[in-house]
Amino acid sequence: MKITYCTEWSLFRKQPYHILSESDAKEKHINGEPYVVVIYEAEDVINVIEIDENSLTVRFYNDKFENYLLYGFVKKDNRLFLNMVYHYLYNNGEEVEQILFNFKDTGELFMERSNNVSKEVEQREAVVDVTCNWEEFPQFGNYFGIIRIEREK
């Protein structure tokens, strides 16, 4: 596993911009300044983590370099709460469906499934256990907690 730090991730080009040294990234982490973490497995990007003072976003990439999953965390009392999940489905490189899960710390869940082909939209609401949506804010360089796909503890 290799980590690159930068100030910006290009969604269009799918590459990091303004590379930071590890010490510069650590200083940004300590000072609560925004920075980006790009995690590689072999030569392939598997995660991109965008960190700022109020939130943290994790993008998950598959072997076709498609962003198939996105986690959105918000800071609450120096911890992170996973309040948003997007799951993207692709067919021949084209996004055909996305599913949004929007969580509140009270357990309220709003789900929306949007099919880009049929244009159908399905919405649901429920109350769920959000215990596993809480995560400690990561120490610099230790991002394993926030890149876990399976959230059960």
N, C-alpha and C. Protein backbone atom coordinates (compact mmCIF):
# COMPACT_ATOMS: atom_id res chain seq x y z
N MET A 1 0.84 -1.18 0.00
CA MET A 1 0.00 0.00 0.00
C MET A 1 0.89 1.25 0.00
N LYS A 2 0.57 2.16 -0.88
CA LYS A 2 1.33 3.40 -0.99
C LYS A 2 0.38 4.57 -0.76
N ILE A 3 0.86 5.62 -0.12
CA ILE A 3 0.06 6.81 0.15
C ILE A 3 0.73 8.03 -0.46
N THR A 4 -0.06 8.84 -1.15
CA THR A 4 0.40 10.13 -1.67
C THR A 4 -0.48 11.20 -1.05
N TYR A 5 0.12 12.30 -0.65
CA TYR A 5 -0.62 13.43 -0.09
C TYR A 5 -0.60 14.57 -1.10
N CYS A 6 -1.70 15.31 -1.14
CA CYS A 6 -1.79 16.43 -2.06
C CYS A 6 -2.82 17.43 -1.54
N THR A 7 -2.97 18.54 -2.26
CA THR A 7 -3.97 19.53 -1.86
C THR A 7 -5.27 19.40 -2.63
N GLU A 8 -5.24 18.65 -3.74
CA GLU A 8 -6.44 18.56 -4.58
C GLU A 8 -6.45 17.25 -5.37
N TRP A 9 -7.64 16.68 -5.54
CA TRP A 9 -7.85 15.50 -6.36
C TRP A 9 -8.74 15.91 -7.53
N SER A 10 -8.30 15.66 -8.74
CA SER A 10 -9.09 15.98 -9.93
C SER A 10 -10.06 14.84 -10.21
N LEU A 11 -11.35 15.10 -10.07
CA LEU A 11 -12.36 14.08 -10.38
C LEU A 11 -12.38 13.76 -11.86
N PHE A 12 -12.15 14.75 -12.70
CA PHE A 12 -12.18 14.55 -14.14
C PHE A 12 -10.98 13.74 -14.62
N ARG A 13 -9.78 14.15 -14.21
CA ARG A 13 -8.56 13.46 -14.65
C ARG A 13 -8.18 12.29 -13.76
N LYS A 14 -8.82 12.23 -12.59
CA LYS A 14 -8.55 11.17 -11.61
C LYS A 14 -7.07 11.10 -11.27
N GLN A 15 -6.58 12.26 -10.82
CA GLN A 15 -5.18 12.30 -10.41
C GLN A 15 -4.98 13.39 -9.36
N PRO A 16 -3.93 13.22 -8.54
CA PRO A 16 -3.64 14.21 -7.51
C PRO A 16 -2.94 15.44 -8.10
N TYR A 17 -3.21 16.59 -7.50
CA TYR A 17 -2.54 17.83 -7.88
C TYR A 17 -1.88 18.44 -6.64
N HIS A 18 -0.80 19.13 -6.88
CA HIS A 18 -0.06 19.82 -5.81
C HIS A 18 0.35 18.83 -4.72
N ILE A 19 1.24 17.93 -5.08
CA ILE A 19 1.73 16.90 -4.18
C ILE A 19 2.37 17.54 -2.95
N LEU A 20 2.07 16.96 -1.79
CA LEU A 20 2.63 17.41 -0.52
C LEU A 20 3.61 16.37 0.00
N SER A 21 4.61 16.84 0.69
CA SER A 21 5.47 15.91 1.40
C SER A 21 4.69 15.36 2.59
N GLU A 22 5.15 14.24 3.12
CA GLU A 22 4.47 13.67 4.28
C GLU A 22 4.48 14.65 5.46
N SER A 23 5.59 15.36 5.66
CA SER A 23 5.67 16.29 6.78
C SER A 23 4.74 17.49 6.57
N ASP A 24 4.60 17.97 5.34
CA ASP A 24 3.67 19.08 5.08
C ASP A 24 2.22 18.62 5.28
N ALA A 25 1.91 17.41 4.85
CA ALA A 25 0.56 16.87 5.05
C ALA A 25 0.27 16.69 6.54
N LYS A 26 1.26 16.20 7.27
CA LYS A 26 1.08 16.01 8.72
C LYS A 26 0.84 17.35 9.41
N GLU A 27 1.54 18.38 8.99
CA GLU A 27 1.34 19.72 9.56
C GLU A 27 -0.09 20.19 9.28
N LYS A 28 -0.58 19.97 8.06
CA LYS A 28 -1.96 20.34 7.73
C LYS A 28 -2.94 19.56 8.61
N HIS A 29 -2.67 18.28 8.82
CA HIS A 29 -3.52 17.44 9.66
C HIS A 29 -3.58 17.99 11.08
N ILE A 30 -2.44 18.29 11.64
CA ILE A 30 -2.36 18.80 13.01
C ILE A 30 -3.07 20.14 13.14
N ASN A 31 -2.94 20.99 12.11
CA ASN A 31 -3.54 22.33 12.14
C ASN A 31 -5.00 22.36 11.68
N GLY A 32 -5.55 21.19 11.30
CA GLY A 32 -6.94 21.14 10.86
C GLY A 32 -7.16 21.77 9.49
N GLU A 33 -6.11 21.83 8.68
CA GLU A 33 -6.22 22.40 7.34
C GLU A 33 -6.57 21.31 6.34
N PRO A 34 -7.23 21.67 5.25
CA PRO A 34 -7.61 20.66 4.26
C PRO A 34 -6.42 20.05 3.54
N TYR A 35 -6.55 18.77 3.24
CA TYR A 35 -5.57 18.05 2.41
C TYR A 35 -6.23 16.79 1.90
N VAL A 36 -5.56 16.11 0.97
CA VAL A 36 -6.10 14.92 0.33
C VAL A 36 -5.11 13.78 0.48
N VAL A 37 -5.65 12.59 0.73
CA VAL A 37 -4.86 11.37 0.85
C VAL A 37 -5.26 10.45 -0.31
N VAL A 38 -4.29 10.00 -1.08
CA VAL A 38 -4.55 9.06 -2.16
C VAL A 38 -3.87 7.75 -1.79
N ILE A 39 -4.67 6.69 -1.72
CA ILE A 39 -4.16 5.38 -1.32
C ILE A 39 -4.13 4.48 -2.54
N TYR A 40 -2.95 3.89 -2.76
CA TYR A 40 -2.73 3.00 -3.90
C TYR A 40 -2.52 1.58 -3.41
N GLU A 41 -3.01 0.63 -4.19
CA GLU A 41 -2.67 -0.77 -4.00
C GLU A 41 -1.98 -1.18 -5.29
N ALA A 42 -0.73 -1.57 -5.19
CA ALA A 42 0.13 -1.72 -6.37
C ALA A 42 0.18 -0.35 -7.04
N GLU A 43 -0.19 -0.24 -8.27
CA GLU A 43 -0.18 1.05 -8.96
C GLU A 43 -1.58 1.66 -9.10
N ASP A 44 -2.59 0.98 -8.55
CA ASP A 44 -3.97 1.40 -8.72
C ASP A 44 -4.48 2.21 -7.53
N VAL A 45 -5.16 3.31 -7.82
CA VAL A 45 -5.81 4.09 -6.77
C VAL A 45 -7.00 3.29 -6.26
N ILE A 46 -7.06 3.11 -4.95
CA ILE A 46 -8.21 2.41 -4.37
C ILE A 46 -9.06 3.34 -3.51
N ASN A 47 -8.44 4.37 -2.91
CA ASN A 47 -9.19 5.32 -2.09
C ASN A 47 -8.63 6.72 -2.27
N VAL A 48 -9.53 7.68 -2.23
CA VAL A 48 -9.15 9.09 -2.15
C VAL A 48 -9.91 9.67 -0.97
N ILE A 49 -9.18 10.26 -0.03
CA ILE A 49 -9.77 10.81 1.18
C ILE A 49 -9.53 12.31 1.18
N GLU A 50 -10.62 13.07 1.20
CA GLU A 50 -10.53 14.52 1.27
C GLU A 50 -10.90 14.93 2.69
N ILE A 51 -9.98 15.62 3.34
CA ILE A 51 -10.14 15.98 4.75
C ILE A 51 -10.16 17.50 4.86
N ASP A 52 -11.19 18.03 5.55
CA ASP A 52 -11.17 19.44 5.87
C ASP A 52 -11.62 19.61 7.32
N GLU A 53 -11.81 20.84 7.77
CA GLU A 53 -12.05 21.06 9.19
C GLU A 53 -13.39 20.54 9.69
N ASN A 54 -14.39 20.38 8.80
CA ASN A 54 -15.72 19.96 9.25
C ASN A 54 -16.18 18.62 8.71
N SER A 55 -15.46 18.07 7.73
CA SER A 55 -15.94 16.85 7.11
C SER A 55 -14.79 16.03 6.53
N LEU A 56 -15.14 14.84 6.11
CA LEU A 56 -14.17 13.93 5.52
C LEU A 56 -14.93 13.10 4.48
N THR A 57 -14.40 13.02 3.28
CA THR A 57 -15.02 12.25 2.20
C THR A 57 -14.06 11.16 1.76
N VAL A 58 -14.59 9.96 1.58
CA VAL A 58 -13.79 8.83 1.12
C VAL A 58 -14.40 8.31 -0.18
N ARG A 59 -13.60 8.28 -1.23
CA ARG A 59 -14.02 7.69 -2.50
C ARG A 59 -13.35 6.33 -2.64
N PHE A 60 -14.11 5.35 -3.09
CA PHE A 60 -13.62 4.00 -3.31
C PHE A 60 -13.61 3.74 -4.81
N TYR A 61 -12.48 3.28 -5.33
CA TYR A 61 -12.34 3.00 -6.76
C TYR A 61 -12.18 1.50 -6.99
N ASN A 62 -12.81 1.01 -8.05
CA ASN A 62 -12.67 -0.40 -8.40
C ASN A 62 -11.52 -0.59 -9.39
N ASP A 63 -11.33 -1.81 -9.88
CA ASP A 63 -10.21 -2.10 -10.78
C ASP A 63 -10.37 -1.46 -12.15
N LYS A 64 -11.54 -0.92 -12.46
CA LYS A 64 -11.76 -0.19 -13.72
C LYS A 64 -11.64 1.32 -13.50
N PHE A 65 -11.17 1.71 -12.31
CA PHE A 65 -10.98 3.11 -11.93
C PHE A 65 -12.29 3.88 -11.91
N GLU A 66 -13.37 3.17 -11.52
CA GLU A 66 -14.68 3.78 -11.37
C GLU A 66 -14.93 4.04 -9.89
N ASN A 67 -15.43 5.21 -9.56
CA ASN A 67 -15.77 5.57 -8.19
C ASN A 67 -17.11 4.90 -7.85
N TYR A 68 -17.04 3.70 -7.26
CA TYR A 68 -18.26 2.92 -7.04
C TYR A 68 -18.90 3.17 -5.68
N LEU A 69 -18.19 3.83 -4.77
CA LEU A 69 -18.71 4.05 -3.43
C LEU A 69 -18.13 5.35 -2.89
N LEU A 70 -18.95 6.10 -2.18
CA LEU A 70 -18.49 7.34 -1.56
C LEU A 70 -19.07 7.40 -0.15
N TYR A 71 -18.20 7.68 0.81
CA TYR A 71 -18.62 7.89 2.20
C TYR A 71 -18.43 9.36 2.53
N GLY A 72 -19.43 9.95 3.13
CA GLY A 72 -19.32 11.32 3.62
C GLY A 72 -19.48 11.34 5.12
N PHE A 73 -18.44 11.76 5.82
CA PHE A 73 -18.45 11.87 7.28
C PHE A 73 -18.51 13.35 7.67
N VAL A 74 -19.19 13.64 8.77
CA VAL A 74 -19.15 14.98 9.34
C VAL A 74 -18.54 14.88 10.74
N LYS A 75 -17.85 15.93 11.15
CA LYS A 75 -17.26 15.96 12.48
C LYS A 75 -18.32 16.37 13.49
N LYS A 76 -18.39 15.61 14.55
CA LYS A 76 -19.28 15.91 15.66
C LYS A 76 -18.54 15.56 16.94
N ASP A 77 -18.32 16.55 17.78
CA ASP A 77 -17.63 16.33 19.06
C ASP A 77 -16.30 15.59 18.88
N ASN A 78 -15.50 16.02 17.91
CA ASN A 78 -14.18 15.48 17.63
C ASN A 78 -14.21 14.01 17.20
N ARG A 79 -15.38 13.54 16.77
CA ARG A 79 -15.53 12.21 16.19
C ARG A 79 -16.13 12.40 14.80
N LEU A 80 -16.21 11.33 14.07
CA LEU A 80 -16.81 11.37 12.74
C LEU A 80 -18.10 10.57 12.74
N PHE A 81 -19.09 11.11 12.03
CA PHE A 81 -20.35 10.39 11.84
C PHE A 81 -20.57 10.21 10.35
N LEU A 82 -20.74 8.96 9.93
CA LEU A 82 -21.01 8.64 8.52
C LEU A 82 -22.46 9.01 8.23
N ASN A 83 -22.65 10.17 7.60
CA ASN A 83 -24.01 10.63 7.38
C ASN A 83 -24.48 10.44 5.93
N MET A 84 -23.55 10.10 5.03
CA MET A 84 -23.95 9.97 3.64
C MET A 84 -23.13 8.87 2.96
N VAL A 85 -23.84 8.02 2.22
CA VAL A 85 -23.20 6.98 1.43
C VAL A 85 -23.83 7.01 0.05
N TYR A 86 -23.00 7.05 -0.98
CA TYR A 86 -23.45 6.90 -2.36
C TYR A 86 -22.86 5.61 -2.90
N HIS A 87 -23.69 4.80 -3.51
CA HIS A 87 -23.23 3.59 -4.18
C HIS A 87 -23.56 3.74 -5.66
N TYR A 88 -22.56 3.60 -6.52
CA TYR A 88 -22.73 3.80 -7.96
C TYR A 88 -22.60 2.46 -8.68
N LEU A 89 -23.50 2.21 -9.62
CA LEU A 89 -23.44 1.00 -10.45
C LEU A 89 -23.12 1.41 -11.88
N TYR A 90 -22.25 0.64 -12.53
CA TYR A 90 -21.79 0.96 -13.88
C TYR A 90 -22.09 -0.19 -14.83
N ASN A 91 -22.25 0.16 -16.10
CA ASN A 91 -22.38 -0.83 -17.16
C ASN A 91 -21.54 -0.32 -18.33
N ASN A 92 -20.50 -1.06 -18.67
CA ASN A 92 -19.58 -0.66 -19.74
C ASN A 92 -19.03 0.76 -19.55
N GLY A 93 -18.67 1.08 -18.33
CA GLY A 93 -18.06 2.37 -18.04
C GLY A 93 -19.03 3.52 -17.85
N GLU A 94 -20.31 3.28 -18.03
CA GLU A 94 -21.32 4.32 -17.86
C GLU A 94 -22.06 4.11 -16.54
N GLU A 95 -22.23 5.19 -15.78
CA GLU A 95 -22.98 5.09 -14.54
C GLU A 95 -24.46 4.90 -14.89
N VAL A 96 -25.04 3.79 -14.42
CA VAL A 96 -26.43 3.49 -14.74
C VAL A 96 -27.36 3.66 -13.54
N GLU A 97 -26.80 3.65 -12.35
CA GLU A 97 -27.65 3.78 -11.17
C GLU A 97 -26.83 4.32 -10.01
N GLN A 98 -27.49 5.10 -9.17
CA GLN A 98 -26.85 5.52 -7.92
C GLN A 98 -27.86 5.39 -6.80
N ILE A 99 -27.34 4.99 -5.66
CA ILE A 99 -28.18 4.84 -4.47
C ILE A 99 -27.58 5.73 -3.38
N LEU A 100 -28.41 6.59 -2.83
CA LEU A 100 -28.00 7.49 -1.75
C LEU A 100 -28.59 6.98 -0.45
N PHE A 101 -27.75 6.91 0.58
CA PHE A 101 -28.19 6.64 1.94
C PHE A 101 -27.80 7.86 2.76
N ASN A 102 -28.79 8.53 3.33
CA ASN A 102 -28.53 9.72 4.14
C ASN A 102 -28.97 9.41 5.58
N PHE A 103 -28.00 9.41 6.50
CA PHE A 103 -28.25 9.04 7.88
C PHE A 103 -28.23 10.27 8.78
N LYS A 104 -29.08 10.25 9.80
CA LYS A 104 -29.00 11.23 10.88
C LYS A 104 -28.54 10.48 12.13
N ASP A 105 -27.89 11.18 13.05
CA ASP A 105 -27.38 10.50 14.23
C ASP A 105 -28.50 10.00 15.14
N THR A 106 -29.74 10.39 14.86
CA THR A 106 -30.90 9.88 15.60
C THR A 106 -31.36 8.52 15.07
N GLY A 107 -30.79 8.08 13.95
CA GLY A 107 -31.16 6.80 13.36
C GLY A 107 -32.07 6.93 12.15
N GLU A 108 -32.52 8.14 11.87
CA GLU A 108 -33.37 8.31 10.69
C GLU A 108 -32.55 8.09 9.43
N LEU A 109 -33.12 7.35 8.48
CA LEU A 109 -32.45 7.04 7.22
C LEU A 109 -33.36 7.43 6.07
N PHE A 110 -32.79 8.13 5.12
CA PHE A 110 -33.47 8.42 3.86
C PHE A 110 -32.67 7.74 2.76
N MET A 111 -33.36 6.95 1.92
CA MET A 111 -32.69 6.27 0.83
C MET A 111 -33.34 6.68 -0.48
N GLU A 112 -32.49 6.91 -1.49
CA GLU A 112 -33.00 7.23 -2.82
C GLU A 112 -32.20 6.46 -3.85
N ARG A 113 -32.92 5.71 -4.69
CA ARG A 113 -32.30 4.96 -5.78
C ARG A 113 -32.71 5.65 -7.07
N SER A 114 -31.71 6.06 -7.88
CA SER A 114 -31.97 6.73 -9.15
C SER A 114 -31.39 5.91 -10.28
N ASN A 115 -32.25 5.51 -11.22
CA ASN A 115 -31.81 4.76 -12.38
C ASN A 115 -31.63 5.74 -13.53
N ASN A 116 -30.40 5.86 -14.03
CA ASN A 116 -30.11 6.81 -15.10
C ASN A 116 -30.62 6.36 -16.46
N VAL A 117 -30.95 5.08 -16.60
CA VAL A 117 -31.43 4.55 -17.87
C VAL A 117 -32.95 4.72 -17.96
N SER A 118 -33.66 4.19 -16.97
CA SER A 118 -35.13 4.25 -16.98
C SER A 118 -35.66 5.56 -16.42
N LYS A 119 -34.80 6.32 -15.75
CA LYS A 119 -35.16 7.59 -15.10
C LYS A 119 -36.08 7.39 -13.89
N GLU A 120 -36.20 6.15 -13.45
CA GLU A 120 -37.02 5.86 -12.28
C GLU A 120 -36.28 6.27 -11.01
N VAL A 121 -37.05 6.79 -10.06
CA VAL A 121 -36.51 7.17 -8.76
C VAL A 121 -37.38 6.52 -7.69
N GLU A 122 -36.71 5.86 -6.77
CA GLU A 122 -37.40 5.19 -5.67
C GLU A 122 -36.87 5.79 -4.37
N GLN A 123 -37.78 6.14 -3.46
CA GLN A 123 -37.37 6.71 -2.18
C GLN A 123 -37.98 5.93 -1.04
N ARG A 124 -37.22 5.83 0.04
CA ARG A 124 -37.69 5.15 1.25
C ARG A 124 -37.15 5.86 2.47
N GLU A 125 -37.86 5.69 3.57
CA GLU A 125 -37.40 6.20 4.86
C GLU A 125 -37.51 5.09 5.88
N ALA A 126 -36.62 5.11 6.85
CA ALA A 126 -36.63 4.10 7.90
C ALA A 126 -35.90 4.64 9.11
N VAL A 127 -35.95 3.89 10.18
CA VAL A 127 -35.16 4.17 11.37
C VAL A 127 -34.25 2.97 11.56
N VAL A 128 -32.94 3.23 11.69
CA VAL A 128 -31.95 2.16 11.78
C VAL A 128 -30.99 2.42 12.92
N ASP A 129 -30.25 1.41 13.28
CA ASP A 129 -29.21 1.54 14.29
C ASP A 129 -27.97 2.14 13.63
N VAL A 130 -27.54 3.29 14.10
CA VAL A 130 -26.39 3.97 13.49
C VAL A 130 -25.14 3.89 14.36
N THR A 131 -25.11 2.95 15.27
CA THR A 131 -23.95 2.79 16.14
C THR A 131 -22.66 2.63 15.34
N CYS A 132 -22.74 1.84 14.25
CA CYS A 132 -21.53 1.58 13.45
C CYS A 132 -21.18 2.74 12.51
N ASN A 133 -21.98 3.81 12.50
CA ASN A 133 -21.68 4.98 11.68
C ASN A 133 -20.68 5.92 12.36
N TRP A 134 -20.40 5.70 13.62
CA TRP A 134 -19.45 6.55 14.35
C TRP A 134 -18.04 6.01 14.18
N GLU A 135 -17.10 6.91 14.05
CA GLU A 135 -15.70 6.55 13.84
C GLU A 135 -14.83 7.60 14.52
N GLU A 136 -13.75 7.16 15.10
CA GLU A 136 -12.80 8.11 15.66
C GLU A 136 -12.12 8.87 14.52
N PHE A 137 -11.84 10.15 14.73
CA PHE A 137 -11.11 10.90 13.72
C PHE A 137 -9.73 10.26 13.58
N PRO A 138 -9.30 9.98 12.35
CA PRO A 138 -8.06 9.22 12.18
C PRO A 138 -6.81 9.98 12.62
N GLN A 139 -5.90 9.24 13.18
CA GLN A 139 -4.56 9.76 13.41
C GLN A 139 -3.90 9.91 12.05
N PHE A 140 -2.99 10.82 11.93
CA PHE A 140 -2.32 11.01 10.65
C PHE A 140 -1.67 9.70 10.20
N GLY A 141 -1.93 9.32 8.96
CA GLY A 141 -1.35 8.12 8.37
C GLY A 141 -2.10 6.84 8.66
N ASN A 142 -3.07 6.87 9.57
CA ASN A 142 -3.83 5.67 9.92
C ASN A 142 -5.29 5.86 9.49
N TYR A 143 -5.59 5.47 8.26
CA TYR A 143 -6.90 5.72 7.67
C TYR A 143 -7.75 4.45 7.55
N PHE A 144 -7.30 3.36 8.18
CA PHE A 144 -7.99 2.08 8.03
C PHE A 144 -9.43 2.12 8.54
N GLY A 145 -9.70 2.84 9.60
CA GLY A 145 -11.05 2.91 10.15
C GLY A 145 -12.05 3.54 9.19
N ILE A 146 -11.63 4.56 8.48
CA ILE A 146 -12.58 5.27 7.61
C ILE A 146 -12.69 4.66 6.22
N ILE A 147 -11.76 3.77 5.85
CA ILE A 147 -11.86 3.14 4.53
C ILE A 147 -12.44 1.73 4.61
N ARG A 148 -12.94 1.36 5.79
CA ARG A 148 -13.61 0.06 5.93
C ARG A 148 -14.93 0.10 5.19
N ILE A 149 -15.15 -0.86 4.33
CA ILE A 149 -16.43 -0.92 3.62
C ILE A 149 -17.49 -1.51 4.54
N GLU A 150 -17.16 -2.60 5.21
CA GLU A 150 -18.09 -3.22 6.16
C GLU A 150 -18.05 -2.38 7.44
N ARG A 151 -19.16 -1.79 7.80
CA ARG A 151 -19.18 -0.85 8.91
C ARG A 151 -19.51 -1.52 10.25
N GLU A 152 -19.99 -2.76 10.26
CA GLU A 152 -20.29 -3.40 11.53
C GLU A 152 -19.01 -3.54 12.33
N LYS A 153 -19.11 -3.34 13.61
CA LYS A 153 -17.92 -3.42 14.46
C LYS A 153 -17.80 -4.77 15.09
